[in-house]
């Protein structure tokens, strides 16, 4: 797991929470990869390439935040607390 966090999956406790948690993990990993690529290319890319990488990182950030919000909403609305996943 690239970011050093575990994905907790429950055994049937709340399949939708599990799905949203995995979706969030994947979106966060994609954001981290986009930021790493942007950082790696600073100073060696053309302005046009930099702007494309910056936009890709920004889009990944938005997707990650949206995935996090969906997970939080699921937990709040259905009381399927993430800490109770096994």
PDB file of N, CA and C in Angstrom:
ATOM      1  N   UNK A   1       0.836  -1.167   0.000  1.00  0.00           N
ATOM      2  CA  UNK A   1       0.000   0.000   0.000  1.00  0.00           C
ATOM      3  C   UNK A   1       0.886   1.237   0.000  1.00  0.00           C
ATOM      4  N   UNK A   2       0.874   1.979  -1.062  1.00  0.00           N
ATOM      5  CA  UNK A   2       1.826   3.056  -1.263  1.00  0.00           C
ATOM      6  C   UNK A   2       1.859   4.119  -0.171  1.00  0.00           C
ATOM      7  N   UNK A   3       0.742   4.467   0.404  1.00  0.00           N
ATOM      8  CA  UNK A   3       0.741   5.560   1.369  1.00  0.00           C
ATOM      9  C   UNK A   3       0.929   5.087   2.800  1.00  0.00           C
ATOM     10  N   UNK A   4       1.099   3.814   3.014  1.00  0.00           N
ATOM     11  CA  UNK A   4       1.377   3.305   4.348  1.00  0.00           C
ATOM     12  C   UNK A   4       0.163   3.226   5.259  1.00  0.00           C
ATOM     13  N   UNK A   5      -1.008   3.076   4.708  1.00  0.00           N
ATOM     14  CA  UNK A   5      -2.180   2.903   5.542  1.00  0.00           C
ATOM     15  C   UNK A   5      -2.890   1.624   5.141  1.00  0.00           C
ATOM     16  N   UNK A   6      -3.586   1.070   6.087  1.00  0.00           N
ATOM     17  CA  UNK A   6      -4.293  -0.181   5.838  1.00  0.00           C
ATOM     18  C   UNK A   6      -5.697   0.108   5.341  1.00  0.00           C
ATOM     19  N   UNK A   7      -6.225  -0.786   4.562  1.00  0.00           N
ATOM     20  CA  UNK A   7      -7.624  -0.727   4.166  1.00  0.00           C
ATOM     21  C   UNK A   7      -8.345  -1.761   5.004  1.00  0.00           C
ATOM     22  N   UNK A   8      -9.244  -1.288   5.823  1.00  0.00           N
ATOM     23  CA  UNK A   8      -9.974  -2.180   6.704  1.00  0.00           C
ATOM     24  C   UNK A   8     -11.254  -2.606   6.003  1.00  0.00           C
ATOM     25  N   UNK A   9     -11.402  -3.883   5.839  1.00  0.00           N
ATOM     26  CA  UNK A   9     -12.586  -4.418   5.186  1.00  0.00           C
ATOM     27  C   UNK A   9     -13.361  -5.265   6.200  1.00  0.00           C
ATOM     28  N   UNK A  10     -14.629  -5.004   6.301  1.00  0.00           N
ATOM     29  CA  UNK A  10     -15.434  -5.782   7.224  1.00  0.00           C
ATOM     30  C   UNK A  10     -15.995  -6.999   6.509  1.00  0.00           C
ATOM     31  N   UNK A  11     -16.276  -8.008   7.277  1.00  0.00           N
ATOM     32  CA  UNK A  11     -16.817  -9.248   6.722  1.00  0.00           C
ATOM     33  C   UNK A  11     -18.331  -9.121   6.652  1.00  0.00           C
ATOM     34  N   UNK A  12     -18.828  -8.402   5.643  1.00  0.00           N
ATOM     35  CA  UNK A  12     -20.263  -8.266   5.457  1.00  0.00           C
ATOM     36  C   UNK A  12     -20.917  -7.214   6.312  1.00  0.00           C
ATOM     37  N   UNK A  13     -20.163  -6.534   7.160  1.00  0.00           N
ATOM     38  CA  UNK A  13     -20.761  -5.527   8.046  1.00  0.00           C
ATOM     39  C   UNK A  13     -21.460  -4.447   7.229  1.00  0.00           C
ATOM     40  N   UNK A  14     -20.752  -3.862   6.285  1.00  0.00           N
ATOM     41  CA  UNK A  14     -21.341  -2.845   5.429  1.00  0.00           C
ATOM     42  C   UNK A  14     -20.581  -2.846   4.106  1.00  0.00           C
ATOM     43  N   UNK A  15     -21.117  -3.544   3.152  1.00  0.00           N
ATOM     44  CA  UNK A  15     -20.454  -3.685   1.860  1.00  0.00           C
ATOM     45  C   UNK A  15     -20.273  -2.344   1.165  1.00  0.00           C
ATOM     46  N   UNK A  16     -21.227  -1.454   1.306  1.00  0.00           N
ATOM     47  CA  UNK A  16     -21.118  -0.145   0.661  1.00  0.00           C
ATOM     48  C   UNK A  16     -19.982   0.669   1.282  1.00  0.00           C
ATOM     49  N   UNK A  17     -19.844   0.607   2.596  1.00  0.00           N
ATOM     50  CA  UNK A  17     -18.730   1.296   3.251  1.00  0.00           C
ATOM     51  C   UNK A  17     -17.404   0.725   2.765  1.00  0.00           C
ATOM     52  N   UNK A  18     -17.331  -0.585   2.663  1.00  0.00           N
ATOM     53  CA  UNK A  18     -16.109  -1.223   2.183  1.00  0.00           C
ATOM     54  C   UNK A  18     -15.772  -0.764   0.761  1.00  0.00           C
ATOM     55  N   UNK A  19     -16.791  -0.689  -0.083  1.00  0.00           N
ATOM     56  CA  UNK A  19     -16.588  -0.252  -1.457  1.00  0.00           C
ATOM     57  C   UNK A  19     -16.105   1.198  -1.498  1.00  0.00           C
ATOM     58  N   UNK A  20     -16.740   2.043  -0.707  1.00  0.00           N
ATOM     59  CA  UNK A  20     -16.365   3.459  -0.676  1.00  0.00           C
ATOM     60  C   UNK A  20     -14.981   3.667  -0.073  1.00  0.00           C
ATOM     61  N   UNK A  21     -14.629   2.856   0.891  1.00  0.00           N
ATOM     62  CA  UNK A  21     -13.296   2.942   1.485  1.00  0.00           C
ATOM     63  C   UNK A  21     -12.227   2.569   0.462  1.00  0.00           C
ATOM     64  N   UNK A  22     -12.475   1.538  -0.303  1.00  0.00           N
ATOM     65  CA  UNK A  22     -11.538   1.143  -1.347  1.00  0.00           C
ATOM     66  C   UNK A  22     -11.451   2.224  -2.433  1.00  0.00           C
ATOM     67  N   UNK A  23     -12.595   2.773  -2.805  1.00  0.00           N
ATOM     68  CA  UNK A  23     -12.626   3.856  -3.794  1.00  0.00           C
ATOM     69  C   UNK A  23     -11.807   5.056  -3.303  1.00  0.00           C
ATOM     70  N   UNK A  24     -11.953   5.402  -2.036  1.00  0.00           N
ATOM     71  CA  UNK A  24     -11.203   6.513  -1.468  1.00  0.00           C
ATOM     72  C   UNK A  24      -9.703   6.211  -1.466  1.00  0.00           C
ATOM     73  N   UNK A  25      -9.344   5.017  -1.079  1.00  0.00           N
ATOM     74  CA  UNK A  25      -7.922   4.629  -1.067  1.00  0.00           C
ATOM     75  C   UNK A  25      -7.311   4.751  -2.462  1.00  0.00           C
ATOM     76  N   UNK A  26      -8.038   4.265  -3.457  1.00  0.00           N
ATOM     77  CA  UNK A  26      -7.533   4.338  -4.824  1.00  0.00           C
ATOM     78  C   UNK A  26      -7.416   5.786  -5.298  1.00  0.00           C
ATOM     79  N   UNK A  27      -8.400   6.604  -4.972  1.00  0.00           N
ATOM     80  CA  UNK A  27      -8.364   8.016  -5.367  1.00  0.00           C
ATOM     81  C   UNK A  27      -7.217   8.742  -4.661  1.00  0.00           C
ATOM     82  N   UNK A  28      -6.998   8.441  -3.388  1.00  0.00           N
ATOM     83  CA  UNK A  28      -5.895   9.069  -2.651  1.00  0.00           C
ATOM     84  C   UNK A  28      -4.546   8.636  -3.220  1.00  0.00           C
ATOM     85  N   UNK A  29      -4.425   7.379  -3.591  1.00  0.00           N
ATOM     86  CA  UNK A  29      -3.187   6.891  -4.216  1.00  0.00           C
ATOM     87  C   UNK A  29      -2.936   7.594  -5.553  1.00  0.00           C
ATOM     88  N   UNK A  30      -3.991   7.782  -6.330  1.00  0.00           N
ATOM     89  CA  UNK A  30      -3.846   8.465  -7.614  1.00  0.00           C
ATOM     90  C   UNK A  30      -3.443   9.920  -7.412  1.00  0.00           C
ATOM     91  N   UNK A  31      -3.992  10.558  -6.405  1.00  0.00           N
ATOM     92  CA  UNK A  31      -3.620  11.941  -6.097  1.00  0.00           C
ATOM     93  C   UNK A  31      -2.155  12.006  -5.682  1.00  0.00           C
ATOM     94  N   UNK A  32      -1.740  11.112  -4.816  1.00  0.00           N
ATOM     95  CA  UNK A  32      -0.345  11.090  -4.370  1.00  0.00           C
ATOM     96  C   UNK A  32       0.599  10.884  -5.552  1.00  0.00           C
ATOM     97  N   UNK A  33       0.224  10.000  -6.462  1.00  0.00           N
ATOM     98  CA  UNK A  33       1.065   9.744  -7.641  1.00  0.00           C
ATOM     99  C   UNK A  33       1.126  10.977  -8.539  1.00  0.00           C
ATOM    100  N   UNK A  34       0.011  11.665  -8.706  1.00  0.00           N
ATOM    101  CA  UNK A  34      -0.018  12.862  -9.550  1.00  0.00           C
ATOM    102  C   UNK A  34       0.838  13.969  -8.947  1.00  0.00           C
ATOM    103  N   UNK A  35       0.771  14.140  -7.638  1.00  0.00           N
ATOM    104  CA  UNK A  35       1.584  15.155  -6.971  1.00  0.00           C
ATOM    105  C   UNK A  35       3.069  14.790  -7.058  1.00  0.00           C
ATOM    106  N   UNK A  36       3.379  13.521  -6.892  1.00  0.00           N
ATOM    107  CA  UNK A  36       4.775  13.087  -6.988  1.00  0.00           C
ATOM    108  C   UNK A  36       5.327  13.354  -8.385  1.00  0.00           C
ATOM    109  N   UNK A  37       4.537  13.074  -9.404  1.00  0.00           N
ATOM    110  CA  UNK A  37       4.974  13.324 -10.783  1.00  0.00           C
ATOM    111  C   UNK A  37       5.139  14.821 -11.022  1.00  0.00           C
ATOM    112  N   UNK A  38       4.218  15.612 -10.533  1.00  0.00           N
ATOM    113  CA  UNK A  38       4.326  17.062 -10.661  1.00  0.00           C
ATOM    114  C   UNK A  38       5.598  17.562  -9.984  1.00  0.00           C
ATOM    115  N   UNK A  39       5.865  17.095  -8.800  1.00  0.00           N
ATOM    116  CA  UNK A  39       7.063  17.498  -8.058  1.00  0.00           C
ATOM    117  C   UNK A  39       8.329  17.076  -8.783  1.00  0.00           C
ATOM    118  N   UNK A  40       8.305  15.880  -9.328  1.00  0.00           N
ATOM    119  CA  UNK A  40       9.470  15.362 -10.034  1.00  0.00           C
ATOM    120  C   UNK A  40       9.785  16.182 -11.280  1.00  0.00           C
ATOM    121  N   UNK A  41       8.765  16.709 -11.915  1.00  0.00           N
ATOM    122  CA  UNK A  41       8.949  17.394 -13.203  1.00  0.00           C
ATOM    123  C   UNK A  41       9.118  18.909 -13.082  1.00  0.00           C
ATOM    124  N   UNK A  42       9.000  19.452 -11.863  1.00  0.00           N
ATOM    125  CA  UNK A  42       9.186  20.898 -11.688  1.00  0.00           C
ATOM    126  C   UNK A  42      10.600  21.268 -12.126  1.00  0.00           C
ATOM    127  N   UNK A  43      10.689  22.282 -12.932  1.00  0.00           N
ATOM    128  CA  UNK A  43      11.983  22.779 -13.369  1.00  0.00           C
ATOM    129  C   UNK A  43      12.552  22.082 -14.594  1.00  0.00           C
ATOM    130  N   UNK A  44      11.962  20.968 -14.999  1.00  0.00           N
ATOM    131  CA  UNK A  44      12.482  20.271 -16.184  1.00  0.00           C
ATOM    132  C   UNK A  44      11.430  20.141 -17.276  1.00  0.00           C
ATOM    133  N   UNK A  45      10.220  20.578 -16.998  1.00  0.00           N
ATOM    134  CA  UNK A  45       9.138  20.496 -17.980  1.00  0.00           C
ATOM    135  C   UNK A  45       8.877  21.868 -18.584  1.00  0.00           C
ATOM    136  N   UNK A  46       8.294  21.854 -19.756  1.00  0.00           N
ATOM    137  CA  UNK A  46       7.847  23.106 -20.358  1.00  0.00           C
ATOM    138  C   UNK A  46       6.674  23.643 -19.545  1.00  0.00           C
ATOM    139  N   UNK A  47       6.370  24.898 -19.711  1.00  0.00           N
ATOM    140  CA  UNK A  47       5.241  25.490 -19.001  1.00  0.00           C
ATOM    141  C   UNK A  47       3.953  24.756 -19.343  1.00  0.00           C
ATOM    142  N   UNK A  48       3.780  24.416 -20.616  1.00  0.00           N
ATOM    143  CA  UNK A  48       2.583  23.697 -21.042  1.00  0.00           C
ATOM    144  C   UNK A  48       2.480  22.336 -20.350  1.00  0.00           C
ATOM    145  N   UNK A  49       3.575  21.597 -20.306  1.00  0.00           N
ATOM    146  CA  UNK A  49       3.578  20.297 -19.624  1.00  0.00           C
ATOM    147  C   UNK A  49       3.303  20.460 -18.135  1.00  0.00           C
ATOM    148  N   UNK A  50       3.923  21.459 -17.523  1.00  0.00           N
ATOM    149  CA  UNK A  50       3.704  21.719 -16.097  1.00  0.00           C
ATOM    150  C   UNK A  50       2.225  21.999 -15.837  1.00  0.00           C
ATOM    151  N   UNK A  51       1.626  22.827 -16.669  1.00  0.00           N
ATOM    152  CA  UNK A  51       0.209  23.164 -16.468  1.00  0.00           C
ATOM    153  C   UNK A  51      -0.672  21.927 -16.612  1.00  0.00           C
ATOM    154  N   UNK A  52      -0.347  21.046 -17.550  1.00  0.00           N
ATOM    155  CA  UNK A  52      -1.116  19.802 -17.706  1.00  0.00           C
ATOM    156  C   UNK A  52      -0.953  18.907 -16.480  1.00  0.00           C
ATOM    157  N   UNK A  53       0.272  18.794 -15.968  1.00  0.00           N
ATOM    158  CA  UNK A  53       0.513  17.985 -14.770  1.00  0.00           C
ATOM    159  C   UNK A  53      -0.187  18.594 -13.554  1.00  0.00           C
ATOM    160  N   UNK A  54      -0.143  19.912 -13.465  1.00  0.00           N
ATOM    161  CA  UNK A  54      -0.811  20.599 -12.356  1.00  0.00           C
ATOM    162  C   UNK A  54      -2.312  20.353 -12.410  1.00  0.00           C
ATOM    163  N   UNK A  55      -2.886  20.444 -13.602  1.00  0.00           N
ATOM    164  CA  UNK A  55      -4.323  20.197 -13.753  1.00  0.00           C
ATOM    165  C   UNK A  55      -4.666  18.748 -13.419  1.00  0.00           C
ATOM    166  N   UNK A  56      -3.825  17.819 -13.812  1.00  0.00           N
ATOM    167  CA  UNK A  56      -4.063  16.406 -13.485  1.00  0.00           C
ATOM    168  C   UNK A  56      -4.030  16.198 -11.975  1.00  0.00           C
ATOM    169  N   UNK A  57      -3.082  16.836 -11.301  1.00  0.00           N
ATOM    170  CA  UNK A  57      -2.997  16.718  -9.837  1.00  0.00           C
ATOM    171  C   UNK A  57      -4.221  17.353  -9.183  1.00  0.00           C
ATOM    172  N   UNK A  58      -4.645  18.492  -9.695  1.00  0.00           N
ATOM    173  CA  UNK A  58      -5.825  19.165  -9.137  1.00  0.00           C
ATOM    174  C   UNK A  58      -7.077  18.315  -9.340  1.00  0.00           C
ATOM    175  N   UNK A  59      -7.227  17.726 -10.501  1.00  0.00           N
ATOM    176  CA  UNK A  59      -8.380  16.851 -10.755  1.00  0.00           C
ATOM    177  C   UNK A  59      -8.354  15.637  -9.837  1.00  0.00           C
ATOM    178  N   UNK A  60      -7.174  15.070  -9.622  1.00  0.00           N
ATOM    179  CA  UNK A  60      -7.035  13.919  -8.723  1.00  0.00           C
ATOM    180  C   UNK A  60      -7.360  14.322  -7.284  1.00  0.00           C
ATOM    181  N   UNK A  61      -6.968  15.538  -6.894  1.00  0.00           N
ATOM    182  CA  UNK A  61      -7.283  16.029  -5.544  1.00  0.00           C
ATOM    183  C   UNK A  61      -8.793  16.135  -5.356  1.00  0.00           C
ATOM    184  N   UNK A  62      -9.447  16.676  -6.345  1.00  0.00           N
ATOM    185  CA  UNK A  62     -10.903  16.830  -6.271  1.00  0.00           C
ATOM    186  C   UNK A  62     -11.574  15.454  -6.180  1.00  0.00           C
ATOM    187  N   UNK A  63     -11.134  14.504  -7.016  1.00  0.00           N
ATOM    188  CA  UNK A  63     -11.713  13.147  -6.963  1.00  0.00           C
ATOM    189  C   UNK A  63     -11.478  12.507  -5.597  1.00  0.00           C
ATOM    190  N   UNK A  64     -10.298  12.708  -5.029  1.00  0.00           N
ATOM    191  CA  UNK A  64      -9.990  12.149  -3.718  1.00  0.00           C
ATOM    192  C   UNK A  64     -10.892  12.763  -2.645  1.00  0.00           C
ATOM    193  N   UNK A  65     -11.042  14.072  -2.693  1.00  0.00           N
ATOM    194  CA  UNK A  65     -11.915  14.737  -1.719  1.00  0.00           C
ATOM    195  C   UNK A  65     -13.362  14.283  -1.859  1.00  0.00           C
ATOM    196  N   UNK A  66     -13.816  14.129  -3.086  1.00  0.00           N
ATOM    197  CA  UNK A  66     -15.192  13.669  -3.307  1.00  0.00           C
ATOM    198  C   UNK A  66     -15.378  12.246  -2.797  1.00  0.00           C
ATOM    199  N   UNK A  67     -14.400  11.384  -3.022  1.00  0.00           N
ATOM    200  CA  UNK A  67     -14.474  10.005  -2.525  1.00  0.00           C
ATOM    201  C   UNK A  67     -14.479   9.989  -0.999  1.00  0.00           C
ATOM    202  N   UNK A  68     -13.647  10.837  -0.391  1.00  0.00           N
ATOM    203  CA  UNK A  68     -13.615  10.935   1.070  1.00  0.00           C
ATOM    204  C   UNK A  68     -14.965  11.398   1.603  1.00  0.00           C
ATOM    205  N   UNK A  69     -15.561  12.375   0.941  1.00  0.00           N
ATOM    206  CA  UNK A  69     -16.859  12.891   1.375  1.00  0.00           C
ATOM    207  C   UNK A  69     -17.951  11.841   1.255  1.00  0.00           C
ATOM    208  N   UNK A  70     -17.919  11.045   0.165  1.00  0.00           N
ATOM    209  CA  UNK A  70     -18.915   9.969   0.021  1.00  0.00           C
ATOM    210  C   UNK A  70     -18.769   8.946   1.146  1.00  0.00           C
ATOM    211  N   UNK A  71     -17.541   8.607   1.486  1.00  0.00           N
ATOM    212  CA  UNK A  71     -17.299   7.662   2.577  1.00  0.00           C
ATOM    213  C   UNK A  71     -17.800   8.234   3.898  1.00  0.00           C
ATOM    214  N   UNK A  72     -17.477   9.484   4.170  1.00  0.00           N
ATOM    215  CA  UNK A  72     -17.910  10.115   5.419  1.00  0.00           C
ATOM    216  C   UNK A  72     -19.432  10.184   5.502  1.00  0.00           C
ATOM    217  N   UNK A  73     -20.071  10.493   4.386  1.00  0.00           N
ATOM    218  CA  UNK A  73     -21.531  10.562   4.360  1.00  0.00           C
ATOM    219  C   UNK A  73     -22.146   9.187   4.630  1.00  0.00           C
ATOM    220  N   UNK A  74     -21.574   8.146   4.029  1.00  0.00           N
ATOM    221  CA  UNK A  74     -22.056   6.773   4.251  1.00  0.00           C
ATOM    222  C   UNK A  74     -21.952   6.420   5.733  1.00  0.00           C
ATOM    223  N   UNK A  75     -20.812   6.704   6.322  1.00  0.00           N
ATOM    224  CA  UNK A  75     -20.595   6.371   7.733  1.00  0.00           C
ATOM    225  C   UNK A  75     -21.569   7.144   8.615  1.00  0.00           C
ATOM    226  N   UNK A  76     -21.755   8.437   8.336  1.00  0.00           N
ATOM    227  CA  UNK A  76     -22.649   9.259   9.144  1.00  0.00           C
ATOM    228  C   UNK A  76     -24.114   8.837   8.996  1.00  0.00           C
ATOM    229  N   UNK A  77     -24.526   8.576   7.771  1.00  0.00           N
ATOM    230  CA  UNK A  77     -25.936   8.258   7.525  1.00  0.00           C
ATOM    231  C   UNK A  77     -26.313   6.848   7.939  1.00  0.00           C
ATOM    232  N   UNK A  78     -25.376   5.914   7.859  1.00  0.00           N
ATOM    233  CA  UNK A  78     -25.692   4.511   8.118  1.00  0.00           C
ATOM    234  C   UNK A  78     -25.053   3.989   9.397  1.00  0.00           C
ATOM    235  N   UNK A  79     -24.340   4.857  10.097  1.00  0.00           N
ATOM    236  CA  UNK A  79     -23.701   4.511  11.370  1.00  0.00           C
ATOM    237  C   UNK A  79     -22.794   3.294  11.258  1.00  0.00           C
ATOM    238  N   UNK A  80     -22.142   3.152  10.120  1.00  0.00           N
ATOM    239  CA  UNK A  80     -21.209   2.048   9.924  1.00  0.00           C
ATOM    240  C   UNK A  80     -19.799   2.590  10.166  1.00  0.00           C
ATOM    241  N   UNK A  81     -19.490   2.737  11.430  1.00  0.00           N
ATOM    242  CA  UNK A  81     -18.220   3.342  11.850  1.00  0.00           C
ATOM    243  C   UNK A  81     -17.036   2.566  11.318  1.00  0.00           C
ATOM    244  N   UNK A  82     -16.099   3.275  10.734  1.00  0.00           N
ATOM    245  CA  UNK A  82     -14.913   2.670  10.137  1.00  0.00           C
ATOM    246  C   UNK A  82     -14.077   1.916  11.177  1.00  0.00           C
ATOM    247  N   UNK A  83     -14.090   2.355  12.415  1.00  0.00           N
ATOM    248  CA  UNK A  83     -13.273   1.709  13.452  1.00  0.00           C
ATOM    249  C   UNK A  83     -13.803   0.329  13.800  1.00  0.00           C
ATOM    250  N   UNK A  84     -15.023   0.013  13.424  1.00  0.00           N
ATOM    251  CA  UNK A  84     -15.583  -1.298  13.737  1.00  0.00           C
ATOM    252  C   UNK A  84     -15.315  -2.322  12.658  1.00  0.00           C
ATOM    253  N   UNK A  85     -14.688  -1.892  11.564  1.00  0.00           N
ATOM    254  CA  UNK A  85     -14.351  -2.850  10.496  1.00  0.00           C
ATOM    255  C   UNK A  85     -13.227  -3.728  10.970  1.00  0.00           C
ATOM    256  N   UNK A  86     -13.269  -4.980  10.518  1.00  0.00           N
ATOM    257  CA  UNK A  86     -12.224  -5.915  10.960  1.00  0.00           C
ATOM    258  C   UNK A  86     -11.156  -6.076   9.916  1.00  0.00           C
TER     259      UNK A  86
END
